Amino acid sequence: KKENINSKYKQEIIQQFLSKLDTQSRDILYLYYQEEKSYDEIAIIHESNKNTVWTAIFNAKKKLQDMMSRAGLENMIEL
C-alpha cells in the first residue's frame, strides 16, 4: 500500500512539472511514454521526421529533468 501511495505521489509531481513544459514537448512525451508511440509514428503525427522526433524527445526530457533538479527532485524519475 505504501508503494502505491509513493507511486501516486510521484505521478502527481511529474504531472506538475510536465504542465510547465511547452505544448509540443508535453505532447511528444505523452505520445512516447503514455501512448507508447514509436519515433516513426510520432513523426507522422507531427509531420516531421524520425531524427527531429528523437531530438525533441531528448530535449523535452532534458528540460523536465533540469526543472526537477532545480527543485531538488532529480532522483525522483529516470527518463
C-alpha atoms as a PDB file:
ATOM      1  CA  LYS A   1       0.000   0.000   0.000  1.00  0.00           C
ATOM      2  CA  LYS A   2       2.859   2.400   0.810  1.00  0.00           C
ATOM      3  CA  GLU A   3       4.386   1.774  -2.649  1.00  0.00           C
ATOM      4  CA  ASN A   4       1.029   2.630  -4.203  1.00  0.00           C
ATOM      5  CA  ILE A   5       0.956   5.973  -2.377  1.00  0.00           C
ATOM      6  CA  ASN A   6       4.554   6.715  -3.389  1.00  0.00           C
ATOM      7  CA  SER A   7       3.745   5.880  -6.999  1.00  0.00           C
ATOM      8  CA  LYS A   8       0.697   8.169  -6.962  1.00  0.00           C
ATOM      9  CA  TYR A   9       2.731  10.942  -5.349  1.00  0.00           C
ATOM     10  CA  LYS A  10       5.454  10.604  -7.997  1.00  0.00           C
ATOM     11  CA  GLN A  11       2.854  10.759 -10.760  1.00  0.00           C
ATOM     12  CA  GLU A  12       1.367  13.941  -9.312  1.00  0.00           C
ATOM     13  CA  ILE A  13       4.787  15.582  -9.034  1.00  0.00           C
ATOM     14  CA  ILE A  14       5.717  14.580 -12.576  1.00  0.00           C
ATOM     15  CA  GLN A  15       2.385  15.937 -13.875  1.00  0.00           C
ATOM     16  CA  GLN A  16       3.065  19.274 -12.189  1.00  0.00           C
ATOM     17  CA  PHE A  17       6.427  19.567 -13.915  1.00  0.00           C
ATOM     18  CA  LEU A  18       5.059  18.350 -17.250  1.00  0.00           C
ATOM     19  CA  SER A  19       2.449  21.097 -17.131  1.00  0.00           C
ATOM     20  CA  LYS A  20       5.289  23.643 -17.101  1.00  0.00           C
ATOM     21  CA  LEU A  21       6.730  22.370 -20.389  1.00  0.00           C
ATOM     22  CA  ASP A  22       5.751  23.920 -23.697  1.00  0.00           C
ATOM     23  CA  THR A  23       2.857  22.260 -25.511  1.00  0.00           C
ATOM     24  CA  GLN A  24       4.978  20.469 -28.107  1.00  0.00           C
ATOM     25  CA  SER A  25       7.348  18.991 -25.508  1.00  0.00           C
ATOM     26  CA  ARG A  26       4.417  17.805 -23.402  1.00  0.00           C
ATOM     27  CA  ASP A  27       2.677  16.319 -26.417  1.00  0.00           C
ATOM     28  CA  ILE A  28       5.740  14.463 -27.652  1.00  0.00           C
ATOM     29  CA  LEU A  29       6.494  12.998 -24.209  1.00  0.00           C
ATOM     30  CA  TYR A  30       2.841  11.998 -23.846  1.00  0.00           C
ATOM     31  CA  LEU A  31       2.822  10.226 -27.205  1.00  0.00           C
ATOM     32  CA  TYR A  32       6.098   8.474 -26.454  1.00  0.00           C
ATOM     33  CA  TYR A  33       5.546   7.413 -22.840  1.00  0.00           C
ATOM     34  CA  GLN A  34       1.766   7.226 -22.397  1.00  0.00           C
ATOM     35  CA  GLU A  35       0.631   6.231 -25.883  1.00  0.00           C
ATOM     36  CA  GLU A  36       3.822   4.206 -26.454  1.00  0.00           C
ATOM     37  CA  LYS A  37       4.160   5.535 -29.984  1.00  0.00           C
ATOM     38  CA  SER A  38       7.353   4.928 -31.934  1.00  0.00           C
ATOM     39  CA  TYR A  39       9.549   7.729 -33.286  1.00  0.00           C
ATOM     40  CA  ASP A  40       8.145   6.984 -36.738  1.00  0.00           C
ATOM     41  CA  GLU A  41       4.531   7.212 -35.536  1.00  0.00           C
ATOM     42  CA  ILE A  42       5.201  10.493 -33.730  1.00  0.00           C
ATOM     43  CA  ALA A  43       6.944  11.841 -36.841  1.00  0.00           C
ATOM     44  CA  ILE A  44       3.822  11.135 -38.890  1.00  0.00           C
ATOM     45  CA  ILE A  45       1.577  12.807 -36.297  1.00  0.00           C
ATOM     46  CA  HIS A  46       3.817  15.881 -36.143  1.00  0.00           C
ATOM     47  CA  GLU A  47       4.545  15.870 -39.895  1.00  0.00           C
ATOM     48  CA  SER A  48       8.220  15.634 -39.128  1.00  0.00           C
ATOM     49  CA  ASN A  49      10.983  13.058 -39.423  1.00  0.00           C
ATOM     50  CA  LYS A  50      12.362  10.444 -37.059  1.00  0.00           C
ATOM     51  CA  ASN A  51      15.556  12.366 -36.215  1.00  0.00           C
ATOM     52  CA  THR A  52      13.620  15.520 -35.359  1.00  0.00           C
ATOM     53  CA  VAL A  53      11.363  13.491 -33.070  1.00  0.00           C
ATOM     54  CA  TRP A  54      14.364  11.878 -31.361  1.00  0.00           C
ATOM     55  CA  THR A  55      15.869  15.319 -30.755  1.00  0.00           C
ATOM     56  CA  ALA A  56      12.546  16.711 -29.500  1.00  0.00           C
ATOM     57  CA  ILE A  57      12.124  13.822 -27.029  1.00  0.00           C
ATOM     58  CA  PHE A  58      15.715  14.203 -25.843  1.00  0.00           C
ATOM     59  CA  ASN A  59      15.289  17.951 -25.338  1.00  0.00           C
ATOM     60  CA  ALA A  60      11.913  17.591 -23.597  1.00  0.00           C
ATOM     61  CA  LYS A  61      13.342  15.003 -21.182  1.00  0.00           C
ATOM     62  CA  LYS A  62      16.314  17.269 -20.511  1.00  0.00           C
ATOM     63  CA  LYS A  63      14.028  20.241 -19.769  1.00  0.00           C
ATOM     64  CA  LEU A  64      11.928  18.110 -17.418  1.00  0.00           C
ATOM     65  CA  GLN A  65      14.980  16.725 -15.635  1.00  0.00           C
ATOM     66  CA  ASP A  66      16.509  20.210 -15.305  1.00  0.00           C
ATOM     67  CA  MET A  67      13.330  21.608 -13.754  1.00  0.00           C
ATOM     68  CA  MET A  68      13.107  18.715 -11.331  1.00  0.00           C
ATOM     69  CA  SER A  69      16.783  19.020 -10.467  1.00  0.00           C
ATOM     70  CA  ARG A  70      16.381  22.721  -9.651  1.00  0.00           C
ATOM     71  CA  ALA A  71      13.537  21.719  -7.326  1.00  0.00           C
ATOM     72  CA  GLY A  72      15.755  19.127  -5.611  1.00  0.00           C
ATOM     73  CA  LEU A  73      13.865  16.190  -7.109  1.00  0.00           C
ATOM     74  CA  GLU A  74      16.475  14.957  -9.578  1.00  0.00           C
ATOM     75  CA  ASN A  75      16.325  11.408  -8.246  1.00  0.00           C
ATOM     76  CA  MET A  76      12.550  11.104  -8.460  1.00  0.00           C
ATOM     77  CA  ILE A  77      12.382   9.794 -12.015  1.00  0.00           C
ATOM     78  CA  GLU A  78      14.535   8.215 -14.658  1.00  0.00           C
ATOM     79  CA  LEU A  79      13.624   9.012 -18.223  1.00  0.00           C
END
